[in-house]
Amino acid sequence: MSTSRAPLRVALLGCGVVGTQVARLIHEQSGDLAARIGAPVELVGIAVRSLHAERDPLVDPALLTTDARALIDRADIVIELMGGIEPARELILRAVTHGSAVVTANKALLAEDGPALYTAAAAAGVDLYYEAAVAGAVPVVRALRESLAGDRVRRVLGIVNGTTNYVLDRMAAEGLDLDRAVKEAQTLGYAEADPSADVDGYDAAAKAAILAALAFHTRVPLAAVGREGIGALTSDDVAWAGRTGHVLKLLAVAERARDESTGIEGVLVGVHPALVPEQHPLARVGGSFNAVFVESEAAGELMFLGRGAGGTPTASAVLGDLVSVARHRVRGGHGPSESSYAGLPVLPADAARAQFQVRMDVADRPGVLAQVAAVFAEHGVSIEAVRQAPARETAHLVVTSHVTSQRAVRATVDALARLTVVHRVVSVLRVEGA
């Protein structure tokens, strides 16, 4: 294929870990990129906040600028890797208005204000690609947006935060408490100095909103995503998961569902710690890996697994998007735009139906189990299994329900807490993938 045409000018916004690797790959793979695209690409500048910050020697200082707007105005393709809401939003809108295709890894911005960006890109007739915004190198965005465009997705389960997956993995393998496992993740560079975005589920919630919008052709506001992080989990929770044949994971879950109380059919989207049966593929995803498990009507069950973070894996996803949007610039046409035709309502988190596992400390005397079972029955929650372990002057009960509503379980737990024979309800965890 001839690549004699003028180079496509690429502007890079941000030069952190990922940006540095993107710049390196554009330079090192220039010949392959030109052959795949049909034209050479030229990195014409890298916008940074400071010209004096210490940087990897791989980055050519001559490319650095603090004037992101002027850089955008002379680019055919803009790669945004700054993160955050502003000035990233303003700069992306400037790029599409200027007629530039955009590649971004900004999950927070897409979850917060994606529809406005998609609309602006469509109006300008340019591509907006974002494979690296969810699960790093794992090509799940392209799969949902293109490969499964002719299918009907029923459910998406995702381990989309490598930090929390590493932390829970270490808690299970070594019996570490949460704080120690988080500190270990920080030492290895998996967690930030402030790990709250990961531990409290904010990072996973943004990715869940993006996945749900793609899977169900529906705009999903970030505020509508139920969110529960792993901050309240203990080493005891992790150990009991193993004793009952499960592995604890922080899951992003998006599914078609019906709200029993209203009869409305819509989409449920949430992030929460979940007990995953040991035989489920997601249970075997260890360390900092990400994985997304998709259930669809025609294709059946699909599993996407890979590294969800790190400079080079994420840069790989960015370069894949760069090749796609650059080909469109060379050959004409555009990639898929936002698909929100379904417009399904986003249901409240308590409309979810699942199995639940309730652990509690109770008085160790005859008749207690009957009282506990009566409370479950009173609230319409059917019991699948009960496990009991003795403790000092108490018994530890682990009750697993059949599939039921989250509302019913919440009412059951509230009632259990009022029983004099129940010393405390230790934990309530959802079972996913059973």
Protein backbone atom coordinates (compact mmCIF):
# COMPACT_ATOMS: atom_id res chain seq x y z
CA MET A 1 0.00 0.00 0.00
CA SER A 2 1.37 3.43 -0.90
CA THR A 3 2.07 5.78 1.98
CA SER A 4 3.25 8.70 -0.15
CA ARG A 5 0.54 11.05 1.10
CA ALA A 6 1.27 13.74 3.70
CA PRO A 7 1.62 12.59 7.29
CA LEU A 8 -1.35 12.72 9.63
CA ARG A 9 -0.51 15.14 12.43
CA VAL A 10 -1.04 13.73 15.93
CA ALA A 11 -1.25 15.85 19.08
CA LEU A 12 -0.78 14.17 22.45
CA LEU A 13 -2.34 15.77 25.52
CA GLY A 14 -0.61 14.49 28.63
CA CYS A 15 2.76 12.85 29.15
CA GLY A 16 2.37 10.64 32.19
CA VAL A 17 3.02 6.91 32.31
CA VAL A 18 0.63 6.11 29.45
CA GLY A 19 1.44 9.20 27.39
CA THR A 20 5.15 8.41 27.52
CA GLN A 21 4.56 4.91 26.21
CA VAL A 22 2.24 6.19 23.46
CA ALA A 23 4.95 8.61 22.31
CA ARG A 24 7.50 5.78 22.35
CA LEU A 25 5.32 3.41 20.34
CA ILE A 26 4.46 6.04 17.72
CA HIS A 27 8.19 6.63 17.24
CA GLU A 28 9.33 2.99 17.33
CA GLN A 29 6.51 1.59 15.20
CA SER A 30 6.29 4.40 12.67
CA GLY A 31 6.89 2.11 9.70
CA ASP A 32 4.29 -0.47 10.74
CA LEU A 33 1.76 2.23 11.61
CA ALA A 34 2.19 3.86 8.20
CA ALA A 35 1.69 0.52 6.44
CA ARG A 36 -1.43 -0.31 8.46
CA ILE A 37 -2.97 3.14 8.08
CA GLY A 38 -1.98 3.95 4.49
CA ALA A 39 -0.20 7.15 5.52
CA PRO A 40 2.53 8.08 7.98
CA VAL A 41 1.65 9.61 11.33
CA GLU A 42 3.69 12.40 12.84
CA LEU A 43 3.63 13.32 16.51
CA VAL A 44 3.66 17.11 16.24
CA GLY A 45 3.58 17.95 19.93
CA ILE A 46 2.88 16.89 23.50
CA ALA A 47 0.91 19.21 25.77
CA VAL A 48 2.09 19.22 29.39
CA ARG A 49 1.44 21.35 32.47
CA SER A 50 5.11 22.12 33.05
CA LEU A 51 8.12 22.08 30.75
CA HIS A 52 10.45 21.55 33.69
CA ALA A 53 9.06 18.37 35.23
CA GLU A 54 11.34 15.34 35.24
CA ARG A 55 10.51 13.05 32.31
CA ASP A 56 11.52 9.79 30.73
CA PRO A 57 14.46 10.26 28.32
CA LEU A 58 12.26 8.62 25.68
CA VAL A 59 10.32 11.89 25.36
CA ASP A 60 11.82 14.43 22.94
CA PRO A 61 11.85 17.77 24.83
CA ALA A 62 11.39 19.61 21.54
CA LEU A 63 7.85 18.19 21.32
CA LEU A 64 6.73 19.60 24.67
CA THR A 65 4.42 22.61 24.93
CA THR A 66 2.17 24.15 27.54
CA ASP A 67 -0.16 25.59 24.88
CA ALA A 68 -2.59 22.71 24.37
CA ARG A 69 -5.07 24.81 22.40
CA ALA A 70 -2.53 25.90 19.77
CA LEU A 71 -1.33 22.30 19.49
CA ILE A 72 -4.87 21.02 18.92
CA ASP A 73 -5.44 23.58 16.18
CA ARG A 74 -2.66 22.10 14.04
CA ALA A 75 -3.56 18.42 14.50
CA ASP A 76 -5.59 15.90 12.50
CA ILE A 77 -5.87 13.50 15.45
CA VAL A 78 -5.83 14.38 19.15
CA ILE A 79 -4.98 11.78 21.83
CA GLU A 80 -6.22 12.93 25.25
CA LEU A 81 -4.47 11.27 28.20
CA MET A 82 -4.67 14.07 30.77
CA GLY A 83 -7.51 12.56 32.79
CA GLY A 84 -9.99 14.43 34.94
CA ILE A 85 -12.93 16.54 33.82
CA GLU A 86 -11.42 19.93 33.02
CA PRO A 87 -9.56 21.06 31.00
CA ALA A 88 -9.91 17.69 29.23
CA ARG A 89 -13.57 18.29 28.30
CA GLU A 90 -12.92 21.75 26.90
CA LEU A 91 -9.91 20.53 24.91
CA ILE A 92 -11.75 17.53 23.44
CA LEU A 93 -14.65 19.77 22.39
CA ARG A 94 -12.15 22.17 20.82
CA ALA A 95 -10.57 19.29 18.92
CA VAL A 96 -13.82 17.96 17.47
CA THR A 97 -15.00 21.47 16.57
CA HIS A 98 -11.68 21.93 14.77
CA GLY A 99 -12.38 18.72 12.83
CA SER A 100 -9.88 16.48 14.57
CA ALA A 101 -10.57 12.84 15.42
CA VAL A 102 -10.16 12.12 19.14
CA VAL A 103 -8.78 9.13 21.02
CA THR A 104 -9.18 9.25 24.80
CA ALA A 105 -8.65 7.05 27.84
CA ASN A 106 -10.65 9.37 30.10
CA LYS A 107 -13.18 7.11 31.83
CA ALA A 108 -14.21 9.75 34.36
CA LEU A 109 -15.09 12.29 31.69
CA LEU A 110 -16.89 9.77 29.47
CA ALA A 111 -18.98 8.54 32.41
CA GLU A 112 -19.73 12.08 33.56
CA ASP A 113 -20.41 13.80 30.24
CA GLY A 114 -20.02 11.23 27.45
CA PRO A 115 -23.30 12.03 25.64
CA ALA A 116 -22.28 15.67 25.12
CA LEU A 117 -18.94 14.56 23.67
CA TYR A 118 -20.54 11.92 21.43
CA THR A 119 -23.08 14.47 20.16
CA ALA A 120 -20.37 17.03 19.42
CA ALA A 121 -18.25 14.47 17.57
CA ALA A 122 -21.24 13.31 15.49
CA ALA A 123 -22.17 16.89 14.62
CA ALA A 124 -18.59 17.57 13.50
CA GLY A 125 -18.39 14.29 11.57
CA VAL A 126 -15.31 13.03 13.42
CA ASP A 127 -14.45 9.87 15.32
CA LEU A 128 -14.35 9.60 19.11
CA TYR A 129 -12.66 6.36 20.22
CA TYR A 130 -12.03 5.25 23.81
CA GLU A 131 -10.95 1.61 24.06
CA ALA A 132 -8.38 2.42 26.74
CA ALA A 133 -11.01 3.98 29.04
CA VAL A 134 -12.21 0.56 30.22
CA ALA A 135 -9.98 -2.37 31.21
CA GLY A 136 -6.77 -1.10 29.61
CA ALA A 137 -5.55 -3.45 26.89
CA VAL A 138 -8.65 -5.66 27.07
CA PRO A 139 -10.61 -5.01 23.82
CA VAL A 140 -14.06 -5.04 25.37
CA VAL A 141 -15.24 -1.61 24.14
CA ARG A 142 -14.68 -2.63 20.52
CA ALA A 143 -16.37 -5.98 21.17
CA LEU A 144 -19.52 -4.40 22.59
CA ARG A 145 -19.63 -1.52 20.14
CA GLU A 146 -18.85 -3.51 16.98
CA SER A 147 -18.51 -7.29 17.32
CA LEU A 148 -21.74 -7.71 19.31
CA ALA A 149 -23.67 -4.94 17.55
CA GLY A 150 -25.96 -7.56 15.98
CA ASP A 151 -26.57 -9.45 19.22
CA ARG A 152 -28.67 -8.78 22.31
CA VAL A 153 -26.58 -8.55 25.47
CA ARG A 154 -28.28 -9.76 28.62
CA ARG A 155 -25.61 -9.20 31.25
CA VAL A 156 -22.08 -7.92 31.77
CA LEU A 157 -19.94 -8.84 34.79
CA GLY A 158 -16.57 -7.16 35.04
CA ILE A 159 -13.45 -7.08 37.17
CA VAL A 160 -12.47 -3.65 35.89
CA ASN A 161 -10.20 -2.36 38.64
CA GLY A 162 -6.85 -4.09 38.89
CA THR A 163 -5.93 -2.50 42.21
CA THR A 164 -8.88 -3.94 44.13
CA ASN A 165 -8.49 -7.29 42.40
CA TYR A 166 -4.87 -7.42 43.53
CA VAL A 167 -5.82 -6.40 47.08
CA LEU A 168 -8.56 -9.05 47.41
CA ASP A 169 -6.28 -11.65 45.85
CA ARG A 170 -3.59 -10.95 48.46
CA MET A 171 -6.13 -11.00 51.27
CA ALA A 172 -7.28 -14.44 50.12
CA ALA A 173 -3.82 -15.89 49.50
CA GLU A 174 -1.99 -14.55 52.54
CA GLY A 175 -4.76 -13.66 55.02
CA LEU A 176 -3.72 -9.98 54.95
CA ASP A 177 -6.06 -7.33 56.30
CA LEU A 178 -7.28 -4.65 53.89
CA ASP A 179 -4.91 -1.88 54.98
CA ARG A 180 -1.82 -4.05 54.66
CA ALA A 181 -2.87 -5.35 51.24
CA VAL A 182 -3.51 -1.79 50.03
CA LYS A 183 -0.09 -0.65 51.27
CA GLU A 184 1.49 -3.54 49.38
CA ALA A 185 -0.38 -2.47 46.23
CA GLN A 186 0.90 1.08 46.71
CA THR A 187 4.48 -0.16 47.08
CA LEU A 188 4.18 -2.04 43.78
CA GLY A 189 2.66 0.95 42.01
CA TYR A 190 -0.80 -0.61 41.58
CA ALA A 191 -2.47 1.89 43.92
CA GLU A 192 -2.14 5.66 44.22
CA ALA A 193 -1.05 7.41 47.42
CA ASP A 194 -4.77 8.15 47.89
CA PRO A 195 -6.40 4.81 46.97
CA SER A 196 -9.99 5.95 47.52
CA ALA A 197 -10.92 6.02 43.81
CA ASP A 198 -10.14 2.31 43.68
CA VAL A 199 -11.08 1.12 47.17
CA ASP A 200 -14.37 3.06 47.28
CA GLY A 201 -15.42 1.89 43.81
CA TYR A 202 -15.42 5.24 41.98
CA ASP A 203 -13.08 4.03 39.22
CA ALA A 204 -15.10 0.86 38.64
CA ALA A 205 -18.39 2.81 38.67
CA ALA A 206 -17.24 5.06 35.83
CA LYS A 207 -16.28 2.01 33.79
CA ALA A 208 -19.58 0.30 34.63
CA ALA A 209 -21.49 3.29 33.24
CA ILE A 210 -19.54 3.12 29.97
CA LEU A 211 -19.97 -0.66 29.61
CA ALA A 212 -23.70 -0.48 30.35
CA ALA A 213 -24.25 2.28 27.81
CA LEU A 214 -22.48 0.23 25.14
CA ALA A 215 -24.14 -3.08 26.02
CA PHE A 216 -27.71 -1.80 26.27
CA HIS A 217 -27.74 1.15 23.84
CA THR A 218 -28.84 3.42 26.66
CA ARG A 219 -27.37 6.51 28.23
CA VAL A 220 -26.37 5.66 31.80
CA PRO A 221 -25.64 8.66 34.07
CA LEU A 222 -22.83 8.06 36.50
CA ALA A 223 -25.10 9.19 39.33
CA ALA A 224 -27.43 6.26 38.55
CA VAL A 225 -24.71 3.65 39.11
CA GLY A 226 -24.99 1.93 42.48
CA ARG A 227 -21.60 1.95 44.17
CA GLU A 228 -20.16 -0.01 47.08
CA GLY A 229 -16.42 -0.39 47.46
CA ILE A 230 -14.30 -2.87 49.39
CA GLY A 231 -13.46 -0.58 52.32
CA ALA A 232 -15.68 -2.49 54.75
CA LEU A 233 -14.36 -5.95 53.86
CA THR A 234 -12.24 -7.87 56.35
CA SER A 235 -9.88 -10.81 56.13
CA ASP A 236 -12.66 -12.79 57.81
CA ASP A 237 -15.03 -11.97 54.92
CA VAL A 238 -12.44 -13.22 52.45
CA ALA A 239 -11.78 -16.38 54.45
CA TRP A 240 -15.48 -17.20 54.76
CA ALA A 241 -15.88 -16.74 51.01
CA GLY A 242 -13.36 -19.55 50.52
CA ARG A 243 -15.05 -21.77 53.08
CA THR A 244 -18.34 -21.54 51.18
CA GLY A 245 -16.78 -22.20 47.77
CA HIS A 246 -16.54 -18.60 46.57
CA VAL A 247 -13.97 -15.93 45.78
CA LEU A 248 -14.57 -12.29 46.74
CA LYS A 249 -14.31 -9.84 43.84
CA LEU A 250 -15.26 -6.22 43.28
CA LEU A 251 -17.59 -6.53 40.31
CA ALA A 252 -19.11 -4.05 37.89
CA VAL A 253 -22.50 -5.49 36.97
CA ALA A 254 -24.85 -4.31 34.23
CA GLU A 255 -27.95 -6.26 33.23
CA ARG A 256 -31.40 -6.10 31.75
CA ALA A 257 -33.93 -6.47 34.53
CA ARG A 258 -37.48 -5.83 35.62
CA ASP A 259 -38.35 -3.90 38.76
CA GLU A 260 -40.82 -6.17 40.54
CA SER A 261 -42.38 -3.32 42.49
CA THR A 262 -43.22 -1.25 39.40
CA GLY A 263 -43.12 -3.75 36.53
CA ILE A 264 -40.76 -1.45 34.63
CA GLU A 265 -38.13 -3.13 32.46
CA GLY A 266 -34.79 -1.40 32.30
CA VAL A 267 -31.12 -1.62 33.08
CA LEU A 268 -29.47 -2.24 36.45
CA VAL A 269 -25.93 -0.93 36.82
CA GLY A 270 -23.81 -1.19 39.93
CA VAL A 271 -20.45 -1.90 41.52
CA HIS A 272 -20.22 -4.03 44.65
CA PRO A 273 -18.18 -6.74 46.37
CA ALA A 274 -19.55 -10.11 45.28
CA LEU A 275 -19.09 -13.77 46.04
CA VAL A 276 -18.18 -15.51 42.79
CA PRO A 277 -18.41 -19.32 42.71
CA GLU A 278 -14.97 -20.90 42.44
CA GLN A 279 -15.86 -22.63 39.16
CA HIS A 280 -16.80 -19.36 37.42
CA PRO A 281 -14.13 -17.97 35.01
CA LEU A 282 -14.02 -14.65 36.87
CA ALA A 283 -13.04 -16.40 40.10
CA ARG A 284 -9.72 -17.40 38.54
CA VAL A 285 -8.73 -13.85 37.53
CA GLY A 286 -5.87 -12.98 39.87
CA GLY A 287 -3.45 -10.18 40.58
CA SER A 288 -3.96 -6.88 38.80
CA PHE A 289 -5.65 -8.43 35.76
CA ASN A 290 -9.00 -7.23 34.45
CA ALA A 291 -11.71 -9.40 32.95
CA VAL A 292 -15.17 -8.82 31.51
CA PHE A 293 -17.70 -11.64 31.19
CA VAL A 294 -20.52 -11.01 28.71
CA GLU A 295 -23.72 -13.03 28.42
CA SER A 296 -25.58 -12.51 25.13
CA GLU A 297 -28.45 -14.25 23.42
CA ALA A 298 -26.75 -15.44 20.23
CA ALA A 299 -23.04 -15.57 21.09
CA GLY A 300 -23.64 -17.01 24.55
CA GLU A 301 -20.93 -16.49 27.16
CA LEU A 302 -17.79 -14.53 26.24
CA MET A 303 -14.75 -13.79 28.40
CA PHE A 304 -12.29 -10.94 27.83
CA LEU A 305 -9.13 -11.08 29.95
CA GLY A 306 -5.95 -9.04 30.09
CA ARG A 307 -3.94 -6.35 31.82
CA GLY A 308 -6.18 -3.49 32.82
CA ALA A 309 -3.55 -0.97 33.80
CA GLY A 310 0.05 0.05 33.21
CA GLY A 311 1.67 2.28 30.66
CA THR A 312 2.42 -0.21 27.90
CA PRO A 313 -0.82 -2.27 27.98
CA THR A 314 -2.97 0.88 28.02
CA ALA A 315 -0.83 2.45 25.29
CA SER A 316 -1.53 -0.64 23.17
CA ALA A 317 -5.26 0.13 23.32
CA VAL A 318 -4.61 3.78 22.49
CA LEU A 319 -2.52 2.83 19.45
CA GLY A 320 -5.26 0.48 18.26
CA ASP A 321 -7.71 3.38 18.32
CA LEU A 322 -5.17 5.62 16.62
CA VAL A 323 -4.87 3.17 13.73
CA SER A 324 -8.66 2.96 13.38
CA VAL A 325 -9.35 6.70 13.32
CA ALA A 326 -6.33 7.36 11.10
CA ARG A 327 -7.55 4.82 8.54
CA HIS A 328 -10.86 6.63 8.42
CA ARG A 329 -9.04 9.92 7.76
CA VAL A 330 -7.15 8.31 4.89
CA ARG A 331 -9.94 6.31 3.28
CA GLY A 332 -12.99 8.34 4.24
CA GLY A 333 -15.87 7.34 6.46
CA HIS A 334 -16.23 7.10 10.20
CA GLY A 335 -16.38 4.51 12.91
CA PRO A 336 -19.47 3.75 14.99
CA SER A 337 -20.94 6.62 16.95
CA GLU A 338 -23.02 6.56 20.11
CA SER A 339 -25.92 4.10 20.05
CA SER A 340 -28.56 5.12 22.56
CA TYR A 341 -31.68 4.20 20.60
CA ALA A 342 -33.03 1.81 23.29
CA GLY A 343 -33.35 4.54 25.89
CA LEU A 344 -34.07 2.07 28.67
CA PRO A 345 -34.68 3.45 32.15
CA VAL A 346 -31.92 2.89 34.67
CA LEU A 347 -33.51 1.06 37.59
CA PRO A 348 -32.74 1.79 41.25
CA ALA A 349 -30.05 -0.41 42.77
CA ASP A 350 -32.45 -2.03 45.23
CA ALA A 351 -34.44 -3.52 42.34
CA ALA A 352 -31.65 -6.08 41.85
CA ARG A 353 -32.40 -9.79 42.22
CA ALA A 354 -29.67 -12.23 43.19
CA GLN A 355 -28.61 -14.77 45.72
CA PHE A 356 -27.36 -13.30 48.97
CA GLN A 357 -25.17 -14.60 51.76
CA VAL A 358 -25.88 -13.25 55.25
CA ARG A 359 -23.42 -13.88 58.07
CA MET A 360 -24.41 -13.27 61.68
CA ASP A 361 -23.41 -14.03 65.26
CA VAL A 362 -26.28 -15.51 67.24
CA ALA A 363 -26.93 -16.98 70.69
CA ASP A 364 -25.82 -20.61 70.86
CA ARG A 365 -28.96 -22.27 72.20
CA PRO A 366 -31.86 -24.36 70.89
CA GLY A 367 -34.55 -22.62 68.85
CA VAL A 368 -32.38 -19.79 67.52
CA LEU A 369 -32.14 -21.19 64.01
CA ALA A 370 -35.91 -21.53 63.90
CA GLN A 371 -36.34 -17.87 64.86
CA VAL A 372 -33.86 -16.78 62.20
CA ALA A 373 -35.54 -18.93 59.54
CA ALA A 374 -38.92 -17.49 60.49
CA VAL A 375 -37.68 -13.96 59.81
CA PHE A 376 -36.42 -14.98 56.35
CA ALA A 377 -39.77 -16.64 55.61
CA GLU A 378 -41.75 -13.63 56.86
CA HIS A 379 -40.04 -11.44 54.26
CA GLY A 380 -40.37 -13.94 51.41
CA VAL A 381 -36.68 -14.87 51.29
CA SER A 382 -36.18 -18.57 50.62
CA ILE A 383 -33.14 -20.19 52.23
CA GLU A 384 -30.89 -22.40 50.09
CA ALA A 385 -28.26 -23.34 52.68
CA VAL A 386 -27.26 -22.74 56.29
CA ARG A 387 -23.79 -23.24 57.70
CA GLN A 388 -22.98 -22.96 61.40
CA ALA A 389 -19.67 -22.59 63.19
CA PRO A 390 -19.34 -22.51 66.97
CA ALA A 391 -17.74 -19.58 68.75
CA ARG A 392 -17.39 -18.45 72.35
CA GLU A 393 -20.92 -18.48 73.83
CA THR A 394 -22.25 -17.70 70.35
CA ALA A 395 -22.74 -19.44 67.05
CA HIS A 396 -21.76 -18.05 63.69
CA LEU A 397 -24.48 -18.57 61.06
CA VAL A 398 -23.95 -18.26 57.32
CA VAL A 399 -27.27 -18.22 55.46
CA THR A 400 -27.37 -18.35 51.66
CA SER A 401 -30.66 -17.42 50.02
CA HIS A 402 -32.21 -18.48 46.76
CA VAL A 403 -32.55 -15.70 44.16
CA THR A 404 -34.51 -12.89 45.74
CA SER A 405 -34.77 -9.10 45.67
CA GLN A 406 -32.32 -6.79 47.36
CA ARG A 407 -35.28 -4.99 48.95
CA ALA A 408 -36.46 -8.22 50.59
CA VAL A 409 -32.98 -8.99 51.90
CA ARG A 410 -32.61 -5.50 53.32
CA ALA A 411 -35.93 -5.82 55.15
CA THR A 412 -34.89 -9.26 56.40
CA VAL A 413 -31.57 -7.97 57.74
CA ASP A 414 -33.28 -5.06 59.48
CA ALA A 415 -35.65 -7.51 61.16
CA LEU A 416 -32.82 -9.86 62.14
CA ALA A 417 -30.99 -7.00 63.84
CA ARG A 418 -34.01 -6.53 66.11
CA LEU A 419 -34.02 -10.14 67.32
CA THR A 420 -32.58 -10.51 70.82
CA VAL A 421 -30.94 -13.79 69.82
CA VAL A 422 -28.98 -12.11 66.99
CA HIS A 423 -25.91 -10.44 68.47
CA ARG A 424 -24.93 -8.79 65.19
CA VAL A 425 -25.26 -9.12 61.44
CA VAL A 426 -21.64 -9.37 60.30
CA SER A 427 -22.00 -9.01 56.54
CA VAL A 428 -24.43 -9.18 53.62
CA LEU A 429 -22.87 -10.08 50.27
CA ARG A 430 -24.37 -10.74 46.88
CA VAL A 431 -23.56 -13.95 44.99
CA GLU A 432 -22.89 -13.33 41.28
CA GLY A 433 -22.29 -15.81 38.47
CA ALA A 434 -23.94 -18.77 40.18
